[in-house]
Amino acid sequence: MATDYDAPRTSEENHQENTLAEFKNHRPTVGSSVVDEDEAEAADLFDLPGADLSSEEISVQILPAQADEFTCASCFLVRHRSQIAHTKDALLFCRDCEG
């Protein structure tokens, strides 16, 4: 906060009285009618531009794991066989999950 050193100084009593008066003026009203809304309900009120994807259909071709791929038993990602770190009880683990 900037301080104006050229301004006249006030005494401590005047400062306390001014602060108390400001506090009383800014006091919230008792019995406020503000109601907390549910976040989910509030989010439903906002429409993002271009967000209506209800008429869109997503088509993805899913391929089975290839002969040179494996599924990590820890992270469940499909990886190339060169990423095998170790096997434990016939389960394969990738290098990222090793440790």
Protein backbone atom coordinates (compact mmCIF):
# COMPACT_ATOMS: atom_id res chain seq x y z
CA MET A 1 0.00 0.00 0.00
CA ALA A 2 1.37 3.39 -0.96
CA THR A 3 1.92 5.94 1.77
CA ASP A 4 1.63 9.65 1.20
CA TYR A 5 4.30 11.15 3.42
CA ASP A 6 3.13 14.71 2.67
CA ALA A 7 -0.33 14.12 4.12
CA PRO A 8 -1.00 15.43 7.63
CA ARG A 9 -0.59 12.82 10.32
CA THR A 10 -3.49 11.81 12.52
CA SER A 11 -3.30 10.85 16.14
CA GLU A 12 -3.79 7.27 17.28
CA GLU A 13 -7.18 8.07 18.85
CA ASN A 14 -8.54 9.58 15.62
CA HIS A 15 -7.31 6.60 13.69
CA GLN A 16 -9.04 4.15 16.05
CA GLU A 17 -12.31 6.14 15.89
CA ASN A 18 -12.17 6.24 12.09
CA THR A 19 -11.49 2.53 11.91
CA LEU A 20 -14.37 1.74 14.27
CA ALA A 21 -16.75 3.94 12.26
CA GLU A 22 -15.68 2.27 9.00
CA PHE A 23 -16.17 -1.14 10.57
CA LYS A 24 -19.70 -0.29 11.71
CA ASN A 25 -20.62 1.00 8.25
CA HIS A 26 -19.40 -2.14 6.52
CA ARG A 27 -21.00 -4.58 8.93
CA PRO A 28 -23.04 -7.28 7.14
CA THR A 29 -26.77 -7.21 7.63
CA VAL A 30 -28.22 -9.74 10.03
CA GLY A 31 -30.61 -12.26 8.48
CA SER A 32 -29.10 -12.15 5.03
CA SER A 33 -31.15 -13.91 2.37
CA VAL A 34 -28.10 -15.35 0.60
CA VAL A 35 -28.47 -19.11 0.15
CA ASP A 36 -25.61 -21.42 -0.73
CA GLU A 37 -26.29 -23.17 -4.01
CA ASP A 38 -25.31 -26.68 -4.87
CA GLU A 39 -22.22 -26.58 -7.10
CA ALA A 40 -23.70 -29.07 -9.54
CA GLU A 41 -26.84 -26.98 -9.96
CA ALA A 42 -24.79 -23.84 -10.44
CA ALA A 43 -22.64 -25.55 -13.07
CA ASP A 44 -25.74 -26.54 -15.04
CA LEU A 45 -26.56 -22.88 -15.56
CA PHE A 46 -23.40 -22.24 -17.56
CA ASP A 47 -23.34 -23.22 -21.24
CA LEU A 48 -19.93 -23.29 -22.84
CA PRO A 49 -19.78 -22.28 -26.50
CA GLY A 50 -19.40 -25.27 -28.76
CA ALA A 51 -19.86 -27.73 -25.91
CA ASP A 52 -23.03 -29.42 -27.17
CA LEU A 53 -21.74 -32.82 -28.28
CA SER A 54 -24.99 -34.71 -27.80
CA SER A 55 -25.44 -35.25 -31.52
CA GLU A 56 -21.84 -36.39 -32.03
CA GLU A 57 -20.93 -40.04 -32.29
CA ILE A 58 -17.43 -41.16 -31.50
CA SER A 59 -16.16 -44.10 -33.45
CA VAL A 60 -12.81 -45.60 -32.52
CA GLN A 61 -11.37 -48.74 -33.94
CA ILE A 62 -10.07 -50.93 -31.12
CA LEU A 63 -7.27 -53.30 -31.99
CA PRO A 64 -6.30 -56.29 -29.83
CA ALA A 65 -2.79 -56.39 -28.42
CA GLN A 66 -0.32 -57.20 -31.17
CA ALA A 67 2.24 -60.02 -30.98
CA ASP A 68 5.00 -57.55 -30.01
CA GLU A 69 2.95 -55.83 -27.27
CA PHE A 70 2.03 -56.61 -23.67
CA THR A 71 -0.25 -55.07 -21.02
CA CYS A 72 1.50 -53.93 -17.87
CA ALA A 73 0.06 -55.57 -14.74
CA SER A 74 0.50 -52.35 -12.74
CA CYS A 75 -0.52 -49.41 -14.97
CA PHE A 76 -2.53 -51.48 -17.50
CA LEU A 77 -1.03 -49.65 -20.47
CA VAL A 78 -0.29 -51.56 -23.65
CA ARG A 79 3.45 -51.34 -24.26
CA HIS A 80 5.98 -52.72 -26.70
CA ARG A 81 7.81 -55.87 -25.54
CA SER A 82 11.07 -53.93 -25.35
CA GLN A 83 9.56 -52.10 -22.33
CA ILE A 84 9.28 -55.27 -20.18
CA ALA A 85 11.17 -54.68 -16.92
CA HIS A 86 10.45 -57.91 -15.07
CA THR A 87 7.91 -60.67 -14.68
CA LYS A 88 6.38 -61.82 -11.43
CA ASP A 89 3.99 -64.78 -11.21
CA ALA A 90 3.48 -64.70 -15.00
CA LEU A 91 2.61 -60.98 -14.84
CA LEU A 92 4.52 -58.51 -16.98
CA PHE A 93 5.57 -55.08 -15.65
CA CYS A 94 6.82 -52.13 -17.69
CA ARG A 95 9.97 -50.11 -16.99
CA ASP A 96 7.96 -47.14 -15.69
CA CYS A 97 6.31 -49.28 -12.99
CA GLU A 98 9.52 -51.01 -11.99
CA GLY A 99 10.66 -50.17 -8.53
